[in-house]
Amino acid sequence: MTAELEHLQCELIDKEYTRRPFYGSRKMVIYLRSLGQIVNRKRVQRLMRLMGLVAMAPGPNTSQAHPEHKIYPYLLRGVPITRPNQVWSIDITYSTPRQRSPPVRG
């Protein structure tokens, strides 16, 4: 690989990373290939590492509950469940029409 080609690929990676800092090596390979560059993931990883580029990713504690959210009590604690169909449960999730996907017909 020539130094000019490596420099060009570094510039392309840098420009795309500036636009989309959440792109990792996999997405960057797809982007570079769409521009006609012949690259594999290891090369892109190496070039990104040389430039100090790291994709943005969620940090730890992403599943922590918000302190203002209400915690509902577990009403069956201490209740002995001794037969089938003694206790039923349901989970109701509200979604707006925009969040719903169209029904699958098949």
PDB file of N, CA and C in Angstrom:
ATOM      1  N   MET A   1       0.849  -1.175   0.000  1.00  0.00           N
ATOM      2  CA  MET A   1       0.000   0.000   0.000  1.00  0.00           C
ATOM      3  C   MET A   1       0.890   1.233   0.000  1.00  0.00           C
ATOM      4  N   THR A   2       0.606   2.155  -0.883  1.00  0.00           N
ATOM      5  CA  THR A   2       1.434   3.349  -0.974  1.00  0.00           C
ATOM      6  C   THR A   2       1.030   4.360   0.093  1.00  0.00           C
ATOM      7  N   ALA A   3       1.959   5.240   0.395  1.00  0.00           N
ATOM      8  CA  ALA A   3       1.711   6.244   1.428  1.00  0.00           C
ATOM      9  C   ALA A   3       0.625   7.219   0.981  1.00  0.00           C
ATOM     10  N   GLU A   4       0.567   7.506  -0.335  1.00  0.00           N
ATOM     11  CA  GLU A   4      -0.448   8.443  -0.839  1.00  0.00           C
ATOM     12  C   GLU A   4      -1.850   7.858  -0.647  1.00  0.00           C
ATOM     13  N   LEU A   5      -1.991   6.560  -0.939  1.00  0.00           N
ATOM     14  CA  LEU A   5      -3.287   5.904  -0.792  1.00  0.00           C
ATOM     15  C   LEU A   5      -3.705   5.863   0.679  1.00  0.00           C
ATOM     16  N   GLU A   6      -2.749   5.568   1.557  1.00  0.00           N
ATOM     17  CA  GLU A   6      -3.048   5.542   2.988  1.00  0.00           C
ATOM     18  C   GLU A   6      -3.448   6.924   3.479  1.00  0.00           C
ATOM     19  N   HIS A   7      -2.757   7.945   2.991  1.00  0.00           N
ATOM     20  CA  HIS A   7      -3.089   9.321   3.378  1.00  0.00           C
ATOM     21  C   HIS A   7      -4.488   9.694   2.890  1.00  0.00           C
ATOM     22  N   LEU A   8      -4.839   9.311   1.664  1.00  0.00           N
ATOM     23  CA  LEU A   8      -6.166   9.588   1.125  1.00  0.00           C
ATOM     24  C   LEU A   8      -7.242   8.897   1.965  1.00  0.00           C
ATOM     25  N   GLN A   9      -7.003   7.641   2.311  1.00  0.00           N
ATOM     26  CA  GLN A   9      -7.976   6.918   3.113  1.00  0.00           C
ATOM     27  C   GLN A   9      -8.113   7.534   4.507  1.00  0.00           C
ATOM     28  N   CYS A  10      -7.014   7.999   5.070  1.00  0.00           N
ATOM     29  CA  CYS A  10      -7.077   8.683   6.363  1.00  0.00           C
ATOM     30  C   CYS A  10      -7.909   9.957   6.267  1.00  0.00           C
ATOM     31  N   GLU A  11      -7.738  10.705   5.189  1.00  0.00           N
ATOM     32  CA  GLU A  11      -8.526  11.926   5.001  1.00  0.00           C
ATOM     33  C   GLU A  11     -10.009  11.604   4.859  1.00  0.00           C
ATOM     34  N   LEU A  12     -10.328  10.563   4.085  1.00  0.00           N
ATOM     35  CA  LEU A  12     -11.728  10.173   3.910  1.00  0.00           C
ATOM     36  C   LEU A  12     -12.346   9.716   5.230  1.00  0.00           C
ATOM     37  N   ILE A  13     -11.594   8.945   5.992  1.00  0.00           N
ATOM     38  CA  ILE A  13     -12.082   8.494   7.291  1.00  0.00           C
ATOM     39  C   ILE A  13     -12.294   9.686   8.213  1.00  0.00           C
ATOM     40  N   ASP A  14     -11.360  10.625   8.219  1.00  0.00           N
ATOM     41  CA  ASP A  14     -11.453  11.789   9.089  1.00  0.00           C
ATOM     42  C   ASP A  14     -12.672  12.640   8.739  1.00  0.00           C
ATOM     43  N   LYS A  15     -12.905  12.859   7.444  1.00  0.00           N
ATOM     44  CA  LYS A  15     -14.063  13.663   7.023  1.00  0.00           C
ATOM     45  C   LYS A  15     -15.371  12.993   7.427  1.00  0.00           C
ATOM     46  N   GLU A  16     -15.472  11.685   7.209  1.00  0.00           N
ATOM     47  CA  GLU A  16     -16.712  10.979   7.551  1.00  0.00           C
ATOM     48  C   GLU A  16     -16.883  10.901   9.060  1.00  0.00           C
ATOM     49  N   TYR A  17     -15.791  10.742   9.791  1.00  0.00           N
ATOM     50  CA  TYR A  17     -15.866  10.697  11.247  1.00  0.00           C
ATOM     51  C   TYR A  17     -16.328  12.041  11.803  1.00  0.00           C
ATOM     52  N   THR A  18     -15.920  13.130  11.153  1.00  0.00           N
ATOM     53  CA  THR A  18     -16.353  14.452  11.584  1.00  0.00           C
ATOM     54  C   THR A  18     -17.869  14.587  11.408  1.00  0.00           C
ATOM     55  N   ARG A  19     -18.397  14.034  10.305  1.00  0.00           N
ATOM     56  CA  ARG A  19     -19.838  14.077  10.061  1.00  0.00           C
ATOM     57  C   ARG A  19     -20.600  13.097  10.943  1.00  0.00           C
ATOM     58  N   ARG A  20     -20.046  11.924  11.142  1.00  0.00           N
ATOM     59  CA  ARG A  20     -20.735  10.857  11.868  1.00  0.00           C
ATOM     60  C   ARG A  20     -19.778  10.217  12.879  1.00  0.00           C
ATOM     61  N   PRO A  21     -19.608  10.848  14.038  1.00  0.00           N
ATOM     62  CA  PRO A  21     -18.639  10.337  15.014  1.00  0.00           C
ATOM     63  C   PRO A  21     -19.052   9.012  15.653  1.00  0.00           C
ATOM     64  N   PHE A  22     -20.257   8.548  15.387  1.00  0.00           N
ATOM     65  CA  PHE A  22     -20.711   7.272  15.945  1.00  0.00           C
ATOM     66  C   PHE A  22     -20.356   6.101  15.035  1.00  0.00           C
ATOM     67  N   TYR A  23     -19.762   6.375  13.866  1.00  0.00           N
ATOM     68  CA  TYR A  23     -19.354   5.296  12.963  1.00  0.00           C
ATOM     69  C   TYR A  23     -18.125   4.591  13.514  1.00  0.00           C
ATOM     70  N   GLY A  24     -18.198   3.286  13.585  1.00  0.00           N
ATOM     71  CA  GLY A  24     -17.047   2.477  13.959  1.00  0.00           C
ATOM     72  C   GLY A  24     -16.375   1.950  12.707  1.00  0.00           C
ATOM     73  N   SER A  25     -15.507   0.983  12.868  1.00  0.00           N
ATOM     74  CA  SER A  25     -14.744   0.472  11.732  1.00  0.00           C
ATOM     75  C   SER A  25     -15.642  -0.232  10.712  1.00  0.00           C
ATOM     76  N   ARG A  26     -16.683  -0.917  11.172  1.00  0.00           N
ATOM     77  CA  ARG A  26     -17.554  -1.638  10.238  1.00  0.00           C
ATOM     78  C   ARG A  26     -18.299  -0.678   9.321  1.00  0.00           C
ATOM     79  N   LYS A  27     -18.908   0.352   9.897  1.00  0.00           N
ATOM     80  CA  LYS A  27     -19.629   1.335   9.081  1.00  0.00           C
ATOM     81  C   LYS A  27     -18.664   2.114   8.200  1.00  0.00           C
ATOM     82  N   MET A  28     -17.474   2.372   8.710  1.00  0.00           N
ATOM     83  CA  MET A  28     -16.492   3.128   7.931  1.00  0.00           C
ATOM     84  C   MET A  28     -16.041   2.321   6.720  1.00  0.00           C
ATOM     85  N   VAL A  29     -15.920   1.016   6.855  1.00  0.00           N
ATOM     86  CA  VAL A  29     -15.563   0.166   5.717  1.00  0.00           C
ATOM     87  C   VAL A  29     -16.646   0.258   4.644  1.00  0.00           C
ATOM     88  N   ILE A  30     -17.901   0.198   5.054  1.00  0.00           N
ATOM     89  CA  ILE A  30     -19.008   0.304   4.097  1.00  0.00           C
ATOM     90  C   ILE A  30     -18.954   1.646   3.379  1.00  0.00           C
ATOM     91  N   TYR A  31     -18.697   2.715   4.126  1.00  0.00           N
ATOM     92  CA  TYR A  31     -18.607   4.044   3.529  1.00  0.00           C
ATOM     93  C   TYR A  31     -17.458   4.122   2.525  1.00  0.00           C
ATOM     94  N   LEU A  32     -16.280   3.647   2.911  1.00  0.00           N
ATOM     95  CA  LEU A  32     -15.121   3.723   2.019  1.00  0.00           C
ATOM     96  C   LEU A  32     -15.328   2.876   0.764  1.00  0.00           C
ATOM     97  N   ARG A  33     -15.937   1.716   0.925  1.00  0.00           N
ATOM     98  CA  ARG A  33     -16.200   0.875  -0.252  1.00  0.00           C
ATOM     99  C   ARG A  33     -17.206   1.531  -1.189  1.00  0.00           C
ATOM    100  N   SER A  34     -18.149   2.303  -0.637  1.00  0.00           N
ATOM    101  CA  SER A  34     -19.102   3.008  -1.503  1.00  0.00           C
ATOM    102  C   SER A  34     -18.415   4.085  -2.331  1.00  0.00           C
ATOM    103  N   LEU A  35     -17.254   4.539  -1.861  1.00  0.00           N
ATOM    104  CA  LEU A  35     -16.470   5.524  -2.610  1.00  0.00           C
ATOM    105  C   LEU A  35     -15.478   4.865  -3.563  1.00  0.00           C
ATOM    106  N   GLY A  36     -15.465   3.537  -3.604  1.00  0.00           N
ATOM    107  CA  GLY A  36     -14.580   2.827  -4.513  1.00  0.00           C
ATOM    108  C   GLY A  36     -13.233   2.455  -3.925  1.00  0.00           C
ATOM    109  N   GLN A  37     -13.054   2.667  -2.637  1.00  0.00           N
ATOM    110  CA  GLN A  37     -11.801   2.295  -1.984  1.00  0.00           C
ATOM    111  C   GLN A  37     -11.808   0.796  -1.708  1.00  0.00           C
ATOM    112  N   ILE A  38     -10.672   0.161  -1.883  1.00  0.00           N
ATOM    113  CA  ILE A  38     -10.541  -1.257  -1.583  1.00  0.00           C
ATOM    114  C   ILE A  38      -9.896  -1.365  -0.205  1.00  0.00           C
ATOM    115  N   VAL A  39     -10.742  -1.613   0.801  1.00  0.00           N
ATOM    116  CA  VAL A  39     -10.262  -1.684   2.184  1.00  0.00           C
ATOM    117  C   VAL A  39     -10.920  -2.861   2.883  1.00  0.00           C
ATOM    118  N   ASN A  40     -10.269  -3.335   3.931  1.00  0.00           N
ATOM    119  CA  ASN A  40     -10.896  -4.306   4.807  1.00  0.00           C
ATOM    120  C   ASN A  40     -10.974  -3.701   6.203  1.00  0.00           C
ATOM    121  N   ARG A  41     -11.645  -4.390   7.084  1.00  0.00           N
ATOM    122  CA  ARG A  41     -11.897  -3.850   8.412  1.00  0.00           C
ATOM    123  C   ARG A  41     -10.617  -3.648   9.218  1.00  0.00           C
ATOM    124  N   LYS A  42      -9.673  -4.554   9.076  1.00  0.00           N
ATOM    125  CA  LYS A  42      -8.424  -4.431   9.844  1.00  0.00           C
ATOM    126  C   LYS A  42      -7.657  -3.171   9.461  1.00  0.00           C
ATOM    127  N   ARG A  43      -7.669  -2.847   8.169  1.00  0.00           N
ATOM    128  CA  ARG A  43      -6.968  -1.632   7.738  1.00  0.00           C
ATOM    129  C   ARG A  43      -7.646  -0.396   8.322  1.00  0.00           C
ATOM    130  N   VAL A  44      -8.972  -0.381   8.260  1.00  0.00           N
ATOM    131  CA  VAL A  44      -9.704   0.767   8.797  1.00  0.00           C
ATOM    132  C   VAL A  44      -9.484   0.872  10.304  1.00  0.00           C
ATOM    133  N   GLN A  45      -9.484  -0.257  11.000  1.00  0.00           N
ATOM    134  CA  GLN A  45      -9.210  -0.229  12.437  1.00  0.00           C
ATOM    135  C   GLN A  45      -7.831   0.355  12.719  1.00  0.00           C
ATOM    136  N   ARG A  46      -6.844  -0.063  11.935  1.00  0.00           N
ATOM    137  CA  ARG A  46      -5.478   0.422  12.131  1.00  0.00           C
ATOM    138  C   ARG A  46      -5.390   1.922  11.876  1.00  0.00           C
ATOM    139  N   LEU A  47      -6.027   2.389  10.787  1.00  0.00           N
ATOM    140  CA  LEU A  47      -5.966   3.812  10.462  1.00  0.00           C
ATOM    141  C   LEU A  47      -6.710   4.650  11.503  1.00  0.00           C
ATOM    142  N   MET A  48      -7.862   4.158  11.953  1.00  0.00           N
ATOM    143  CA  MET A  48      -8.600   4.892  12.983  1.00  0.00           C
ATOM    144  C   MET A  48      -7.801   4.943  14.287  1.00  0.00           C
ATOM    145  N   ARG A  49      -7.130   3.844  14.607  1.00  0.00           N
ATOM    146  CA  ARG A  49      -6.304   3.811  15.820  1.00  0.00           C
ATOM    147  C   ARG A  49      -5.133   4.788  15.700  1.00  0.00           C
ATOM    148  N   LEU A  50      -4.502   4.850  14.498  1.00  0.00           N
ATOM    149  CA  LEU A  50      -3.401   5.795  14.274  1.00  0.00           C
ATOM    150  C   LEU A  50      -3.848   7.236  14.469  1.00  0.00           C
ATOM    151  N   MET A  51      -5.073   7.539  14.028  1.00  0.00           N
ATOM    152  CA  MET A  51      -5.593   8.902  14.132  1.00  0.00           C
ATOM    153  C   MET A  51      -6.248   9.174  15.482  1.00  0.00           C
ATOM    154  N   GLY A  52      -6.363   8.146  16.315  1.00  0.00           N
ATOM    155  CA  GLY A  52      -6.975   8.326  17.631  1.00  0.00           C
ATOM    156  C   GLY A  52      -8.482   8.476  17.574  1.00  0.00           C
ATOM    157  N   LEU A  53      -9.123   7.903  16.561  1.00  0.00           N
ATOM    158  CA  LEU A  53     -10.572   8.005  16.416  1.00  0.00           C
ATOM    159  C   LEU A  53     -11.245   6.793  17.047  1.00  0.00           C
ATOM    160  N   VAL A  54     -12.218   7.057  17.892  1.00  0.00           N
ATOM    161  CA  VAL A  54     -12.985   6.009  18.544  1.00  0.00           C
ATOM    162  C   VAL A  54     -14.452   6.354  18.388  1.00  0.00           C
ATOM    163  N   ALA A  55     -15.256   5.389  17.966  1.00  0.00           N
ATOM    164  CA  ALA A  55     -16.677   5.632  17.779  1.00  0.00           C
ATOM    165  C   ALA A  55     -17.347   5.920  19.112  1.00  0.00           C
ATOM    166  N   MET A  56     -18.321   6.815  19.072  1.00  0.00           N
ATOM    167  CA  MET A  56     -19.094   7.110  20.271  1.00  0.00           C
ATOM    168  C   MET A  56     -20.011   5.932  20.553  1.00  0.00           C
ATOM    169  N   ALA A  57     -20.069   5.518  21.795  1.00  0.00           N
ATOM    170  CA  ALA A  57     -20.929   4.407  22.189  1.00  0.00           C
ATOM    171  C   ALA A  57     -21.521   4.738  23.552  1.00  0.00           C
ATOM    172  N   PRO A  58     -22.651   4.132  23.870  1.00  0.00           N
ATOM    173  CA  PRO A  58     -23.217   4.377  25.196  1.00  0.00           C
ATOM    174  C   PRO A  58     -22.252   3.949  26.287  1.00  0.00           C
ATOM    175  N   GLY A  59     -22.194   4.725  27.335  1.00  0.00           N
ATOM    176  CA  GLY A  59     -21.315   4.389  28.441  1.00  0.00           C
ATOM    177  C   GLY A  59     -21.968   3.418  29.397  1.00  0.00           C
ATOM    178  N   PRO A  60     -21.323   3.151  30.514  1.00  0.00           N
ATOM    179  CA  PRO A  60     -21.896   2.243  31.504  1.00  0.00           C
ATOM    180  C   PRO A  60     -23.126   2.860  32.165  1.00  0.00           C
ATOM    181  N   ASN A  61     -23.853   2.043  32.900  1.00  0.00           N
ATOM    182  CA  ASN A  61     -25.045   2.470  33.643  1.00  0.00           C
ATOM    183  C   ASN A  61     -26.180   2.935  32.738  1.00  0.00           C
ATOM    184  N   THR A  62     -26.277   2.381  31.539  1.00  0.00           N
ATOM    185  CA  THR A  62     -27.354   2.794  30.645  1.00  0.00           C
ATOM    186  C   THR A  62     -28.694   2.224  31.080  1.00  0.00           C
ATOM    187  N   SER A  63     -28.680   1.253  31.975  1.00  0.00           N
ATOM    188  CA  SER A  63     -29.939   0.654  32.435  1.00  0.00           C
ATOM    189  C   SER A  63     -30.356   1.182  33.802  1.00  0.00           C
ATOM    190  N   GLN A  64     -29.712   2.206  34.288  1.00  0.00           N
ATOM    191  CA  GLN A  64     -30.061   2.757  35.588  1.00  0.00           C
ATOM    192  C   GLN A  64     -31.394   3.491  35.494  1.00  0.00           C
ATOM    193  N   ALA A  65     -32.274   3.266  36.460  1.00  0.00           N
ATOM    194  CA  ALA A  65     -33.572   3.937  36.491  1.00  0.00           C
ATOM    195  C   ALA A  65     -33.392   5.407  36.871  1.00  0.00           C
ATOM    196  N   HIS A  66     -34.261   6.233  36.339  1.00  0.00           N
ATOM    197  CA  HIS A  66     -34.247   7.651  36.687  1.00  0.00           C
ATOM    198  C   HIS A  66     -34.739   7.796  38.123  1.00  0.00           C
ATOM    199  N   PRO A  67     -34.112   8.637  38.937  1.00  0.00           N
ATOM    200  CA  PRO A  67     -34.497   8.718  40.348  1.00  0.00           C
ATOM    201  C   PRO A  67     -35.934   9.209  40.561  1.00  0.00           C
ATOM    202  N   GLU A  68     -36.524   9.925  39.601  1.00  0.00           N
ATOM    203  CA  GLU A  68     -37.888  10.425  39.767  1.00  0.00           C
ATOM    204  C   GLU A  68     -38.947   9.422  39.317  1.00  0.00           C
ATOM    205  N   HIS A  69     -38.547   8.319  38.674  1.00  0.00           N
ATOM    206  CA  HIS A  69     -39.523   7.323  38.241  1.00  0.00           C
ATOM    207  C   HIS A  69     -40.065   6.563  39.441  1.00  0.00           C
ATOM    208  N   LYS A  70     -41.387   6.362  39.442  1.00  0.00           N
ATOM    209  CA  LYS A  70     -42.038   5.664  40.538  1.00  0.00           C
ATOM    210  C   LYS A  70     -41.706   4.175  40.483  1.00  0.00           C
ATOM    211  N   ILE A  71     -41.432   3.588  41.637  1.00  0.00           N
ATOM    212  CA  ILE A  71     -41.186   2.157  41.739  1.00  0.00           C
ATOM    213  C   ILE A  71     -42.436   1.534  42.357  1.00  0.00           C
ATOM    214  N   TYR A  72     -43.073   0.664  41.606  1.00  0.00           N
ATOM    215  CA  TYR A  72     -44.303   0.045  42.074  1.00  0.00           C
ATOM    216  C   TYR A  72     -43.990  -1.165  42.955  1.00  0.00           C
ATOM    217  N   PRO A  73     -44.781  -1.365  44.003  1.00  0.00           N
ATOM    218  CA  PRO A  73     -44.505  -2.490  44.915  1.00  0.00           C
ATOM    219  C   PRO A  73     -44.884  -3.825  44.282  1.00  0.00           C
ATOM    220  N   TYR A  74     -44.201  -4.861  44.704  1.00  0.00           N
ATOM    221  CA  TYR A  74     -44.511  -6.218  44.257  1.00  0.00           C
ATOM    222  C   TYR A  74     -45.564  -6.766  45.213  1.00  0.00           C
ATOM    223  N   LEU A  75     -46.795  -6.885  44.731  1.00  0.00           N
ATOM    224  CA  LEU A  75     -47.925  -7.208  45.594  1.00  0.00           C
ATOM    225  C   LEU A  75     -48.010  -8.680  45.970  1.00  0.00           C
ATOM    226  N   LEU A  76     -47.237  -9.541  45.323  1.00  0.00           N
ATOM    227  CA  LEU A  76     -47.321 -10.970  45.608  1.00  0.00           C
ATOM    228  C   LEU A  76     -46.239 -11.459  46.562  1.00  0.00           C
ATOM    229  N   ARG A  77     -45.470 -10.555  47.117  1.00  0.00           N
ATOM    230  CA  ARG A  77     -44.414 -10.973  48.037  1.00  0.00           C
ATOM    231  C   ARG A  77     -45.043 -11.612  49.278  1.00  0.00           C
ATOM    232  N   GLY A  78     -44.618 -12.802  49.577  1.00  0.00           N
ATOM    233  CA  GLY A  78     -45.128 -13.514  50.736  1.00  0.00           C
ATOM    234  C   GLY A  78     -46.423 -14.281  50.481  1.00  0.00           C
ATOM    235  N   VAL A  79     -46.987 -14.171  49.286  1.00  0.00           N
ATOM    236  CA  VAL A  79     -48.220 -14.899  48.968  1.00  0.00           C
ATOM    237  C   VAL A  79     -47.831 -16.273  48.427  1.00  0.00           C
ATOM    238  N   PRO A  80     -48.271 -17.347  49.079  1.00  0.00           N
ATOM    239  CA  PRO A  80     -47.942 -18.680  48.565  1.00  0.00           C
ATOM    240  C   PRO A  80     -48.779 -19.002  47.323  1.00  0.00           C
ATOM    241  N   ILE A  81     -48.129 -19.359  46.239  1.00  0.00           N
ATOM    242  CA  ILE A  81     -48.813 -19.723  45.003  1.00  0.00           C
ATOM    243  C   ILE A  81     -48.777 -21.238  44.934  1.00  0.00           C
ATOM    244  N   THR A  82     -49.961 -21.848  45.094  1.00  0.00           N
ATOM    245  CA  THR A  82     -50.015 -23.296  45.269  1.00  0.00           C
ATOM    246  C   THR A  82     -50.745 -24.035  44.158  1.00  0.00           C
ATOM    247  N   ARG A  83     -51.399 -23.330  43.230  1.00  0.00           N
ATOM    248  CA  ARG A  83     -52.125 -24.030  42.174  1.00  0.00           C
ATOM    249  C   ARG A  83     -52.026 -23.261  40.849  1.00  0.00           C
ATOM    250  N   PRO A  84     -52.239 -23.948  39.725  1.00  0.00           N
ATOM    251  CA  PRO A  84     -52.204 -23.278  38.422  1.00  0.00           C
ATOM    252  C   PRO A  84     -53.313 -22.241  38.308  1.00  0.00           C
ATOM    253  N   ASN A  85     -53.022 -21.172  37.585  1.00  0.00           N
ATOM    254  CA  ASN A  85     -53.965 -20.071  37.330  1.00  0.00           C
ATOM    255  C   ASN A  85     -54.380 -19.325  38.592  1.00  0.00           C
ATOM    256  N   GLN A  86     -53.647 -19.465  39.662  1.00  0.00           N
ATOM    257  CA  GLN A  86     -53.953 -18.723  40.887  1.00  0.00           C
ATOM    258  C   GLN A  86     -53.570 -17.255  40.723  1.00  0.00           C
ATOM    259  N   VAL A  87     -52.478 -17.005  39.983  1.00  0.00           N
ATOM    260  CA  VAL A  87     -51.989 -15.646  39.795  1.00  0.00           C
ATOM    261  C   VAL A  87     -51.763 -15.413  38.313  1.00  0.00           C
ATOM    262  N   TRP A  88     -52.269 -14.284  37.846  1.00  0.00           N
ATOM    263  CA  TRP A  88     -52.038 -13.893  36.456  1.00  0.00           C
ATOM    264  C   TRP A  88     -51.271 -12.584  36.451  1.00  0.00           C
ATOM    265  N   SER A  89     -50.604 -12.335  35.326  1.00  0.00           N
ATOM    266  CA  SER A  89     -49.808 -11.119  35.209  1.00  0.00           C
ATOM    267  C   SER A  89     -50.008 -10.519  33.833  1.00  0.00           C
ATOM    268  N   ILE A  90     -49.851  -9.217  33.747  1.00  0.00           N
ATOM    269  CA  ILE A  90     -49.944  -8.536  32.452  1.00  0.00           C
ATOM    270  C   ILE A  90     -48.950  -7.385  32.450  1.00  0.00           C
ATOM    271  N   ASP A  91     -48.408  -7.100  31.296  1.00  0.00           N
ATOM    272  CA  ASP A  91     -47.487  -5.982  31.128  1.00  0.00           C
ATOM    273  C   ASP A  91     -48.092  -5.061  30.080  1.00  0.00           C
ATOM    274  N   ILE A  92     -48.482  -3.873  30.486  1.00  0.00           N
ATOM    275  CA  ILE A  92     -49.102  -2.920  29.565  1.00  0.00           C
ATOM    276  C   ILE A  92     -48.054  -1.882  29.187  1.00  0.00           C
ATOM    277  N   THR A  93     -47.783  -1.783  27.901  1.00  0.00           N
ATOM    278  CA  THR A  93     -46.831  -0.809  27.396  1.00  0.00           C
ATOM    279  C   THR A  93     -47.574   0.139  26.470  1.00  0.00           C
ATOM    280  N   TYR A  94     -47.492   1.433  26.748  1.00  0.00           N
ATOM    281  CA  TYR A  94     -48.162   2.412  25.914  1.00  0.00           C
ATOM    282  C   TYR A  94     -47.244   2.809  24.773  1.00  0.00           C
ATOM    283  N   SER A  95     -47.796   2.878  23.583  1.00  0.00           N
ATOM    284  CA  SER A  95     -47.033   3.374  22.443  1.00  0.00           C
ATOM    285  C   SER A  95     -47.935   4.255  21.603  1.00  0.00           C
ATOM    286  N   THR A  96     -47.367   5.307  21.064  1.00  0.00           N
ATOM    287  CA  THR A  96     -48.129   6.205  20.203  1.00  0.00           C
ATOM    288  C   THR A  96     -48.273   5.588  18.824  1.00  0.00           C
ATOM    289  N   PRO A  97     -49.227   6.052  18.015  1.00  0.00           N
ATOM    290  CA  PRO A  97     -49.393   5.481  16.672  1.00  0.00           C
ATOM    291  C   PRO A  97     -48.127   5.565  15.818  1.00  0.00           C
ATOM    292  N   ARG A  98     -47.309   6.570  16.012  1.00  0.00           N
ATOM    293  CA  ARG A  98     -46.077   6.692  15.223  1.00  0.00           C
ATOM    294  C   ARG A  98     -45.049   5.625  15.596  1.00  0.00           C
ATOM    295  N   GLN A  99     -45.100   5.165  16.839  1.00  0.00           N
ATOM    296  CA  GLN A  99     -44.145   4.157  17.288  1.00  0.00           C
ATOM    297  C   GLN A  99     -44.538   2.767  16.836  1.00  0.00           C
ATOM    298  N   ARG A 100     -45.818   2.556  16.564  1.00  0.00           N
ATOM    299  CA  ARG A 100     -46.291   1.223  16.199  1.00  0.00           C
ATOM    300  C   ARG A 100     -45.869   0.874  14.782  1.00  0.00           C
ATOM    301  N   SER A 101     -45.568  -0.372  14.571  1.00  0.00           N
ATOM    302  CA  SER A 101     -45.262  -0.843  13.235  1.00  0.00           C
ATOM    303  C   SER A 101     -46.534  -1.400  12.613  1.00  0.00           C
ATOM    304  N   PRO A 102     -46.627  -1.408  11.283  1.00  0.00           N
ATOM    305  CA  PRO A 102     -47.828  -1.955  10.658  1.00  0.00           C
ATOM    306  C   PRO A 102     -47.947  -3.442  10.940  1.00  0.00           C
ATOM    307  N   PRO A 103     -49.183  -3.954  11.006  1.00  0.00           N
ATOM    308  CA  PRO A 103     -49.351  -5.380  11.305  1.00  0.00           C
ATOM    309  C   PRO A 103     -48.763  -6.262  10.207  1.00  0.00           C
ATOM    310  N   VAL A 104     -48.239  -7.385  10.621  1.00  0.00           N
ATOM    311  CA  VAL A 104     -47.642  -8.335   9.680  1.00  0.00           C
ATOM    312  C   VAL A 104     -48.756  -9.229   9.164  1.00  0.00           C
ATOM    313  N   ARG A 105     -48.866  -9.299   7.860  1.00  0.00           N
ATOM    314  CA  ARG A 105     -49.890 -10.140   7.266  1.00  0.00           C
ATOM    315  C   ARG A 105     -49.187 -11.235   6.468  1.00  0.00           C
ATOM    316  N   GLY A 106     -49.637 -12.425   6.659  1.00  0.00           N
ATOM    317  CA  GLY A 106     -48.949 -13.464   5.927  1.00  0.00           C
ATOM    318  C   GLY A 106     -49.750 -14.630   5.751  1.00  0.00           C
TER     319      GLY A 106
END
